[in-house]
Amino acid sequence: MLDLKNKVAIITGARRGMGRAHALALAKAGAKVVVADISIEDCAKVVEEIKNQGGEATAVKCDVTQKREIEEMVQLAVKKYGGLDILVNNAGIVEFKPFLDLTESDWDRTININLKGYFLCSQTAAKVMAEQKSGVIVNIASVGMGQVGKGFPYIVHYCASKGGIVAMTEALAVELAPYNIRVNAVAPGAIDTPMAESTKTDPKVLEGTLSQIPMHRMGKPEEVANLVLFLASDESSYMTGSTVVIDGGWVAG
């Protein structure tokens, strides 16, 4: 059902964790995948995994705060595969720090990667998609997005960036709909990735987190990737401007 044959996809932040899972899932569904991150060596390992499972992929070094590198990434996809159908904005960081100790540089670093990076990648990709009159953008947000999500202490800059992603997703969905470009967001909860290492290694923190999740476990990157795959496919053809929470019931609880 979820067939991405002949589709071209870019995944940012794809060298590990959820980004790697997204890349593998989309490639398995038939997409030609550009695996992008700050370490091309790590990206190359993911490309090797994809090729070993019979897929097609290429690695590219891309710092999402640098417009020139983003433009080169998109140009590579178009030149190598003939177009661009799917962008998954996944690159992001989280750094824990009390709000009263947060510096301007701490704030700027997180916002530049987590929010400005999504803007730059989306705009560059959308220019190609608008010419094609088709495309899909999937933004990875978080339950730490405020409003219907949750607020968390010590990561106010992260929560601000993720809330911004949700707002940007909705605005882009409206503006890009005439070009047949769909834009949706995924809001994961606690997912078992390297980014969640501090949660996993402290038994008290882990139990405190799991106690708030009705399913009482962390999610797997592959579970989030399945949702991303659905949103990237034609099976979600009437969805745009949506933020889909995948958190084991954390927000509902």
C-alpha atoms as a PDB file:
ATOM      1  CA  MET A   1       0.000   0.000   0.000  1.00  0.00           C
ATOM      2  CA  LEU A   2       2.708   2.514   1.011  1.00  0.00           C
ATOM      3  CA  ASP A   3       4.521   2.589  -2.303  1.00  0.00           C
ATOM      4  CA  LEU A   4       7.161   5.248  -2.934  1.00  0.00           C
ATOM      5  CA  LYS A   5       8.563   3.727  -6.103  1.00  0.00           C
ATOM      6  CA  ASN A   6      10.179   6.367  -8.361  1.00  0.00           C
ATOM      7  CA  LYS A   7       9.902   8.988  -5.600  1.00  0.00           C
ATOM      8  CA  VAL A   8      12.923  11.038  -4.519  1.00  0.00           C
ATOM      9  CA  ALA A   9      13.319  11.891  -0.840  1.00  0.00           C
ATOM     10  CA  ILE A  10      15.703  13.971   1.254  1.00  0.00           C
ATOM     11  CA  ILE A  11      16.048  13.165   4.954  1.00  0.00           C
ATOM     12  CA  THR A  12      17.985  15.622   7.110  1.00  0.00           C
ATOM     13  CA  GLY A  13      19.615  14.528  10.355  1.00  0.00           C
ATOM     14  CA  ALA A  14      19.683  11.033   8.885  1.00  0.00           C
ATOM     15  CA  ARG A  15      22.970   9.681  10.193  1.00  0.00           C
ATOM     16  CA  ARG A  16      21.433   8.096  13.301  1.00  0.00           C
ATOM     17  CA  GLY A  17      18.306   7.773  15.449  1.00  0.00           C
ATOM     18  CA  MET A  18      14.960   8.662  13.953  1.00  0.00           C
ATOM     19  CA  GLY A  19      16.504  10.156  10.807  1.00  0.00           C
ATOM     20  CA  ARG A  20      18.233   6.872  10.009  1.00  0.00           C
ATOM     21  CA  ALA A  21      14.958   5.000  10.596  1.00  0.00           C
ATOM     22  CA  HIS A  22      13.094   7.385   8.270  1.00  0.00           C
ATOM     23  CA  ALA A  23      15.711   6.894   5.558  1.00  0.00           C
ATOM     24  CA  LEU A  24      15.568   3.113   5.811  1.00  0.00           C
ATOM     25  CA  ALA A  25      11.756   3.035   5.816  1.00  0.00           C
ATOM     26  CA  LEU A  26      11.335   5.306   2.797  1.00  0.00           C
ATOM     27  CA  ALA A  27      14.022   3.448   0.869  1.00  0.00           C
ATOM     28  CA  LYS A  28      12.372   0.110   1.670  1.00  0.00           C
ATOM     29  CA  ALA A  29       9.133   1.525   0.236  1.00  0.00           C
ATOM     30  CA  GLY A  30      10.959   2.253  -3.018  1.00  0.00           C
ATOM     31  CA  ALA A  31      12.127   5.862  -2.691  1.00  0.00           C
ATOM     32  CA  LYS A  32      15.523   7.043  -3.846  1.00  0.00           C
ATOM     33  CA  VAL A  33      16.885   8.628  -0.681  1.00  0.00           C
ATOM     34  CA  VAL A  34      19.372  11.412  -0.086  1.00  0.00           C
ATOM     35  CA  VAL A  35      20.813  10.786   3.380  1.00  0.00           C
ATOM     36  CA  ALA A  36      21.910  14.167   4.753  1.00  0.00           C
ATOM     37  CA  ASP A  37      23.662  15.159   7.972  1.00  0.00           C
ATOM     38  CA  ILE A  38      26.750  16.949   9.292  1.00  0.00           C
ATOM     39  CA  SER A  39      28.912  13.806   9.022  1.00  0.00           C
ATOM     40  CA  ILE A  40      29.088  12.353   5.536  1.00  0.00           C
ATOM     41  CA  GLU A  41      30.978   9.342   6.914  1.00  0.00           C
ATOM     42  CA  ASP A  42      28.024   8.425   9.128  1.00  0.00           C
ATOM     43  CA  CYS A  43      25.613   9.119   6.258  1.00  0.00           C
ATOM     44  CA  ALA A  44      27.607   6.732   4.068  1.00  0.00           C
ATOM     45  CA  LYS A  45      27.018   3.950   6.615  1.00  0.00           C
ATOM     46  CA  VAL A  46      23.259   4.490   6.375  1.00  0.00           C
ATOM     47  CA  VAL A  47      23.502   4.476   2.578  1.00  0.00           C
ATOM     48  CA  GLU A  48      25.305   1.142   2.796  1.00  0.00           C
ATOM     49  CA  GLU A  49      22.479  -0.242   4.954  1.00  0.00           C
ATOM     50  CA  ILE A  50      19.932   0.933   2.394  1.00  0.00           C
ATOM     51  CA  LYS A  51      21.834  -0.626  -0.489  1.00  0.00           C
ATOM     52  CA  ASN A  52      22.188  -3.882   1.438  1.00  0.00           C
ATOM     53  CA  GLN A  53      18.395  -4.070   1.692  1.00  0.00           C
ATOM     54  CA  GLY A  54      18.096  -3.486  -2.058  1.00  0.00           C
ATOM     55  CA  GLY A  55      17.405   0.242  -2.013  1.00  0.00           C
ATOM     56  CA  GLU A  56      18.981   3.247  -3.688  1.00  0.00           C
ATOM     57  CA  ALA A  57      20.544   6.136  -1.778  1.00  0.00           C
ATOM     58  CA  THR A  58      23.331   8.676  -1.710  1.00  0.00           C
ATOM     59  CA  ALA A  59      25.055  10.505   1.140  1.00  0.00           C
ATOM     60  CA  VAL A  60      25.557  14.242   1.407  1.00  0.00           C
ATOM     61  CA  LYS A  61      27.100  16.467   4.052  1.00  0.00           C
ATOM     62  CA  CYS A  62      24.671  19.211   5.056  1.00  0.00           C
ATOM     63  CA  ASP A  63      24.625  21.664   7.930  1.00  0.00           C
ATOM     64  CA  VAL A  64      21.013  22.883   7.952  1.00  0.00           C
ATOM     65  CA  THR A  65      22.050  26.306   9.267  1.00  0.00           C
ATOM     66  CA  GLN A  66      23.996  26.931   6.054  1.00  0.00           C
ATOM     67  CA  LYS A  67      21.834  27.935   3.076  1.00  0.00           C
ATOM     68  CA  ARG A  68      24.567  27.158   0.544  1.00  0.00           C
ATOM     69  CA  GLU A  69      24.903  23.570   1.775  1.00  0.00           C
ATOM     70  CA  ILE A  70      21.128  23.131   1.653  1.00  0.00           C
ATOM     71  CA  GLU A  71      21.008  24.404  -1.918  1.00  0.00           C
ATOM     72  CA  GLU A  72      23.787  21.985  -2.880  1.00  0.00           C
ATOM     73  CA  MET A  73      21.896  19.125  -1.198  1.00  0.00           C
ATOM     74  CA  VAL A  74      18.709  19.849  -3.162  1.00  0.00           C
ATOM     75  CA  GLN A  75      20.648  20.346  -6.397  1.00  0.00           C
ATOM     76  CA  LEU A  76      22.314  16.971  -5.878  1.00  0.00           C
ATOM     77  CA  ALA A  77      18.938  15.259  -5.485  1.00  0.00           C
ATOM     78  CA  VAL A  78      17.559  16.882  -8.621  1.00  0.00           C
ATOM     79  CA  LYS A  79      20.672  16.234 -10.698  1.00  0.00           C
ATOM     80  CA  LYS A  80      21.140  12.635  -9.570  1.00  0.00           C
ATOM     81  CA  TYR A  81      17.525  11.492  -9.463  1.00  0.00           C
ATOM     82  CA  GLY A  82      15.644  13.960 -11.658  1.00  0.00           C
ATOM     83  CA  GLY A  83      13.504  15.745  -9.092  1.00  0.00           C
ATOM     84  CA  LEU A  84      12.443  15.985  -5.465  1.00  0.00           C
ATOM     85  CA  ASP A  85       9.181  14.582  -4.141  1.00  0.00           C
ATOM     86  CA  ILE A  86       9.657  14.310  -0.383  1.00  0.00           C
ATOM     87  CA  LEU A  87      11.499  16.316   2.257  1.00  0.00           C
ATOM     88  CA  VAL A  88      11.681  15.050   5.823  1.00  0.00           C
ATOM     89  CA  ASN A  89      12.976  17.805   8.110  1.00  0.00           C
ATOM     90  CA  ASN A  90      14.446  15.801  10.958  1.00  0.00           C
ATOM     91  CA  ALA A  91      17.744  17.461  11.914  1.00  0.00           C
ATOM     92  CA  GLY A  92      17.652  18.801  15.441  1.00  0.00           C
ATOM     93  CA  ILE A  93      19.345  19.100  18.813  1.00  0.00           C
ATOM     94  CA  VAL A  94      18.300  19.235  22.454  1.00  0.00           C
ATOM     95  CA  GLU A  95      20.503  20.690  25.163  1.00  0.00           C
ATOM     96  CA  PHE A  96      19.353  20.733  28.789  1.00  0.00           C
ATOM     97  CA  LYS A  97      19.951  23.951  30.714  1.00  0.00           C
ATOM     98  CA  PRO A  98      17.996  25.930  33.333  1.00  0.00           C
ATOM     99  CA  PHE A  99      16.189  28.903  31.826  1.00  0.00           C
ATOM    100  CA  LEU A 100      17.880  31.402  34.140  1.00  0.00           C
ATOM    101  CA  ASP A 101      21.288  30.167  32.962  1.00  0.00           C
ATOM    102  CA  LEU A 102      20.388  30.032  29.274  1.00  0.00           C
ATOM    103  CA  THR A 103      22.647  32.226  27.162  1.00  0.00           C
ATOM    104  CA  GLU A 104      21.843  34.001  23.934  1.00  0.00           C
ATOM    105  CA  SER A 105      24.219  31.693  22.081  1.00  0.00           C
ATOM    106  CA  ASP A 106      22.446  28.629  23.579  1.00  0.00           C
ATOM    107  CA  TRP A 107      19.139  30.012  22.313  1.00  0.00           C
ATOM    108  CA  ASP A 108      20.488  30.914  18.871  1.00  0.00           C
ATOM    109  CA  ARG A 109      22.135  27.527  18.328  1.00  0.00           C
ATOM    110  CA  THR A 110      18.937  25.598  19.047  1.00  0.00           C
ATOM    111  CA  ILE A 111      16.648  27.916  17.096  1.00  0.00           C
ATOM    112  CA  ASN A 112      19.045  28.037  14.132  1.00  0.00           C
ATOM    113  CA  ILE A 113      19.221  24.256  13.816  1.00  0.00           C
ATOM    114  CA  ASN A 114      15.725  23.241  14.905  1.00  0.00           C
ATOM    115  CA  LEU A 115      13.640  26.012  13.360  1.00  0.00           C
ATOM    116  CA  LYS A 116      15.633  28.141  10.925  1.00  0.00           C
ATOM    117  CA  GLY A 117      17.031  24.948   9.400  1.00  0.00           C
ATOM    118  CA  TYR A 118      13.504  23.693   8.721  1.00  0.00           C
ATOM    119  CA  PHE A 119      12.638  27.022   7.107  1.00  0.00           C
ATOM    120  CA  LEU A 120      15.698  27.018   4.841  1.00  0.00           C
ATOM    121  CA  CYS A 121      15.281  23.373   3.807  1.00  0.00           C
ATOM    122  CA  SER A 122      11.533  23.739   3.223  1.00  0.00           C
ATOM    123  CA  GLN A 123      11.903  26.887   1.130  1.00  0.00           C
ATOM    124  CA  THR A 124      14.674  25.440  -1.030  1.00  0.00           C
ATOM    125  CA  ALA A 125      12.829  22.154  -1.568  1.00  0.00           C
ATOM    126  CA  ALA A 126       9.461  23.855  -2.145  1.00  0.00           C
ATOM    127  CA  LYS A 127      10.869  25.882  -5.039  1.00  0.00           C
ATOM    128  CA  VAL A 128      11.583  22.605  -6.850  1.00  0.00           C
ATOM    129  CA  MET A 129       8.278  21.068  -5.809  1.00  0.00           C
ATOM    130  CA  ALA A 130       6.310  24.150  -6.919  1.00  0.00           C
ATOM    131  CA  GLU A 131       7.711  23.805 -10.443  1.00  0.00           C
ATOM    132  CA  GLN A 132       6.691  20.142 -10.443  1.00  0.00           C
ATOM    133  CA  LYS A 133       3.264  21.017  -8.980  1.00  0.00           C
ATOM    134  CA  SER A 134       3.686  18.234  -6.425  1.00  0.00           C
ATOM    135  CA  GLY A 135       5.556  17.402  -3.259  1.00  0.00           C
ATOM    136  CA  VAL A 136       5.401  16.440   0.395  1.00  0.00           C
ATOM    137  CA  ILE A 137       7.142  17.964   3.394  1.00  0.00           C
ATOM    138  CA  VAL A 138       7.142  16.165   6.738  1.00  0.00           C
ATOM    139  CA  ASN A 139       8.437  18.107   9.736  1.00  0.00           C
ATOM    140  CA  ILE A 140       9.546  16.373  12.908  1.00  0.00           C
ATOM    141  CA  ALA A 141       8.266  18.352  15.870  1.00  0.00           C
ATOM    142  CA  SER A 142       7.827  17.020  19.437  1.00  0.00           C
ATOM    143  CA  VAL A 143       5.263  16.655  22.188  1.00  0.00           C
ATOM    144  CA  GLY A 144       7.301  19.472  23.754  1.00  0.00           C
ATOM    145  CA  MET A 145       5.539  21.915  21.438  1.00  0.00           C
ATOM    146  CA  GLY A 146       3.272  23.730  23.885  1.00  0.00           C
ATOM    147  CA  GLN A 147      -0.492  24.242  23.363  1.00  0.00           C
ATOM    148  CA  VAL A 148      -1.914  20.730  22.899  1.00  0.00           C
ATOM    149  CA  GLY A 149       1.522  19.299  23.663  1.00  0.00           C
ATOM    150  CA  LYS A 150       3.574  19.685  26.814  1.00  0.00           C
ATOM    151  CA  GLY A 151       6.022  22.136  28.328  1.00  0.00           C
ATOM    152  CA  PHE A 152       9.242  20.775  29.828  1.00  0.00           C
ATOM    153  CA  PRO A 153      11.711  22.442  32.201  1.00  0.00           C
ATOM    154  CA  TYR A 154      15.360  22.990  31.216  1.00  0.00           C
ATOM    155  CA  ILE A 155      14.658  22.900  27.469  1.00  0.00           C
ATOM    156  CA  VAL A 156      12.666  26.086  26.915  1.00  0.00           C
ATOM    157  CA  HIS A 157      14.667  26.845  23.743  1.00  0.00           C
ATOM    158  CA  TYR A 158      13.931  23.354  22.381  1.00  0.00           C
ATOM    159  CA  CYS A 159      10.202  23.647  23.179  1.00  0.00           C
ATOM    160  CA  ALA A 160      10.080  27.072  21.533  1.00  0.00           C
ATOM    161  CA  SER A 161      11.654  25.663  18.378  1.00  0.00           C
ATOM    162  CA  LYS A 162       9.244  22.730  18.231  1.00  0.00           C
ATOM    163  CA  GLY A 163       6.218  24.957  18.775  1.00  0.00           C
ATOM    164  CA  GLY A 164       7.516  27.115  15.947  1.00  0.00           C
ATOM    165  CA  ILE A 165       7.751  24.069  13.702  1.00  0.00           C
ATOM    166  CA  VAL A 166       4.069  23.273  14.279  1.00  0.00           C
ATOM    167  CA  ALA A 167       3.024  26.863  13.490  1.00  0.00           C
ATOM    168  CA  MET A 168       5.232  26.914  10.399  1.00  0.00           C
ATOM    169  CA  THR A 169       3.782  23.593   9.251  1.00  0.00           C
ATOM    170  CA  GLU A 170       0.245  24.962   9.382  1.00  0.00           C
ATOM    171  CA  ALA A 171       1.151  28.205   7.598  1.00  0.00           C
ATOM    172  CA  LEU A 172       3.102  26.402   4.871  1.00  0.00           C
ATOM    173  CA  ALA A 173       0.269  23.921   4.331  1.00  0.00           C
ATOM    174  CA  VAL A 174      -2.089  26.776   3.526  1.00  0.00           C
ATOM    175  CA  GLU A 175       0.331  28.709   1.333  1.00  0.00           C
ATOM    176  CA  LEU A 176       1.700  25.733  -0.605  1.00  0.00           C
ATOM    177  CA  ALA A 177      -1.595  23.907  -1.207  1.00  0.00           C
ATOM    178  CA  PRO A 178      -2.132  25.662  -4.588  1.00  0.00           C
ATOM    179  CA  TYR A 179       1.126  24.046  -5.737  1.00  0.00           C
ATOM    180  CA  ASN A 180      -0.120  20.594  -4.680  1.00  0.00           C
ATOM    181  CA  ILE A 181       2.478  20.487  -1.908  1.00  0.00           C
ATOM    182  CA  ARG A 182       1.334  18.879   1.330  1.00  0.00           C
ATOM    183  CA  VAL A 183       2.986  19.798   4.651  1.00  0.00           C
ATOM    184  CA  ASN A 184       2.454  17.849   7.859  1.00  0.00           C
ATOM    185  CA  ALA A 185       4.247  17.411  11.173  1.00  0.00           C
ATOM    186  CA  VAL A 186       4.957  14.485  13.448  1.00  0.00           C
ATOM    187  CA  ALA A 187       5.222  15.066  17.204  1.00  0.00           C
ATOM    188  CA  PRO A 188       7.055  12.178  18.856  1.00  0.00           C
ATOM    189  CA  GLY A 189       7.188  11.616  22.585  1.00  0.00           C
ATOM    190  CA  ALA A 190       9.987   9.718  24.337  1.00  0.00           C
ATOM    191  CA  ILE A 191      11.753   7.756  21.613  1.00  0.00           C
ATOM    192  CA  ASP A 192      14.676   5.386  22.194  1.00  0.00           C
ATOM    193  CA  THR A 193      17.379   7.270  20.289  1.00  0.00           C
ATOM    194  CA  PRO A 194      20.843   8.672  21.098  1.00  0.00           C
ATOM    195  CA  MET A 195      19.172  12.034  21.792  1.00  0.00           C
ATOM    196  CA  ALA A 196      17.315  10.415  24.693  1.00  0.00           C
ATOM    197  CA  GLU A 197      20.472   8.917  26.214  1.00  0.00           C
ATOM    198  CA  SER A 198      20.289  11.073  29.358  1.00  0.00           C
ATOM    199  CA  THR A 199      16.765   9.819  29.996  1.00  0.00           C
ATOM    200  CA  LYS A 200      17.720   6.176  29.532  1.00  0.00           C
ATOM    201  CA  THR A 201      20.906   6.188  31.632  1.00  0.00           C
ATOM    202  CA  ASP A 202      19.391   7.664  34.824  1.00  0.00           C
ATOM    203  CA  PRO A 203      17.001   5.071  36.339  1.00  0.00           C
ATOM    204  CA  LYS A 204      15.061   7.717  38.287  1.00  0.00           C
ATOM    205  CA  VAL A 205      14.619   9.938  35.234  1.00  0.00           C
ATOM    206  CA  LEU A 206      13.612   6.965  33.104  1.00  0.00           C
ATOM    207  CA  GLU A 207      11.043   5.704  35.592  1.00  0.00           C
ATOM    208  CA  GLY A 208       9.717   9.218  36.111  1.00  0.00           C
ATOM    209  CA  THR A 209       9.213   9.556  32.362  1.00  0.00           C
ATOM    210  CA  LEU A 210       7.707   6.113  31.844  1.00  0.00           C
ATOM    211  CA  SER A 211       5.306   6.626  34.751  1.00  0.00           C
ATOM    212  CA  GLN A 212       3.652   9.421  32.745  1.00  0.00           C
ATOM    213  CA  ILE A 213       3.281   7.311  29.597  1.00  0.00           C
ATOM    214  CA  PRO A 214       0.219   5.020  29.596  1.00  0.00           C
ATOM    215  CA  MET A 215       2.036   2.430  27.457  1.00  0.00           C
ATOM    216  CA  HIS A 216       4.911   2.590  29.976  1.00  0.00           C
ATOM    217  CA  ARG A 217       7.688   2.349  27.433  1.00  0.00           C
ATOM    218  CA  MET A 218       9.703   4.480  25.084  1.00  0.00           C
ATOM    219  CA  GLY A 219       8.846   4.397  21.411  1.00  0.00           C
ATOM    220  CA  LYS A 220      11.073   2.887  18.754  1.00  0.00           C
ATOM    221  CA  PRO A 221      12.485   4.990  15.899  1.00  0.00           C
ATOM    222  CA  GLU A 222      10.906   2.535  13.465  1.00  0.00           C
ATOM    223  CA  GLU A 223       7.460   3.269  14.900  1.00  0.00           C
ATOM    224  CA  VAL A 224       7.877   6.960  14.142  1.00  0.00           C
ATOM    225  CA  ALA A 225       9.287   6.101  10.710  1.00  0.00           C
ATOM    226  CA  ASN A 226       6.115   4.173   9.869  1.00  0.00           C
ATOM    227  CA  LEU A 227       4.096   7.334  10.484  1.00  0.00           C
ATOM    228  CA  VAL A 228       6.502   9.432   8.427  1.00  0.00           C
ATOM    229  CA  LEU A 229       6.204   6.893   5.618  1.00  0.00           C
ATOM    230  CA  PHE A 230       2.407   7.175   5.699  1.00  0.00           C
ATOM    231  CA  LEU A 231       2.520  10.983   5.566  1.00  0.00           C
ATOM    232  CA  ALA A 232       5.050  10.858   2.715  1.00  0.00           C
ATOM    233  CA  SER A 233       2.885   8.491   0.683  1.00  0.00           C
ATOM    234  CA  ASP A 234      -0.224   9.044  -1.408  1.00  0.00           C
ATOM    235  CA  GLU A 235      -2.219   7.160   1.242  1.00  0.00           C
ATOM    236  CA  SER A 236      -2.349  10.440   3.181  1.00  0.00           C
ATOM    237  CA  SER A 237      -3.329  12.462   0.114  1.00  0.00           C
ATOM    238  CA  TYR A 238      -6.043  14.475   1.931  1.00  0.00           C
ATOM    239  CA  MET A 239      -3.838  15.387   4.884  1.00  0.00           C
ATOM    240  CA  THR A 240      -2.069  18.727   5.095  1.00  0.00           C
ATOM    241  CA  GLY A 241      -1.462  21.147   7.956  1.00  0.00           C
ATOM    242  CA  SER A 242      -1.812  18.333  10.506  1.00  0.00           C
ATOM    243  CA  THR A 243       0.394  17.547  13.489  1.00  0.00           C
ATOM    244  CA  VAL A 244       0.192  13.891  14.435  1.00  0.00           C
ATOM    245  CA  VAL A 245       1.249  12.955  17.963  1.00  0.00           C
ATOM    246  CA  ILE A 246       2.980   9.593  18.464  1.00  0.00           C
ATOM    247  CA  ASP A 247       3.813   9.276  22.158  1.00  0.00           C
ATOM    248  CA  GLY A 248       2.350   6.146  23.733  1.00  0.00           C
ATOM    249  CA  GLY A 249      -0.471   8.237  25.204  1.00  0.00           C
ATOM    250  CA  TRP A 250       1.790  10.722  27.056  1.00  0.00           C
ATOM    251  CA  VAL A 251      -0.163  13.856  26.080  1.00  0.00           C
ATOM    252  CA  ALA A 252      -3.519  12.115  26.542  1.00  0.00           C
ATOM    253  CA  GLY A 253      -2.509  10.997  30.021  1.00  0.00           C
END
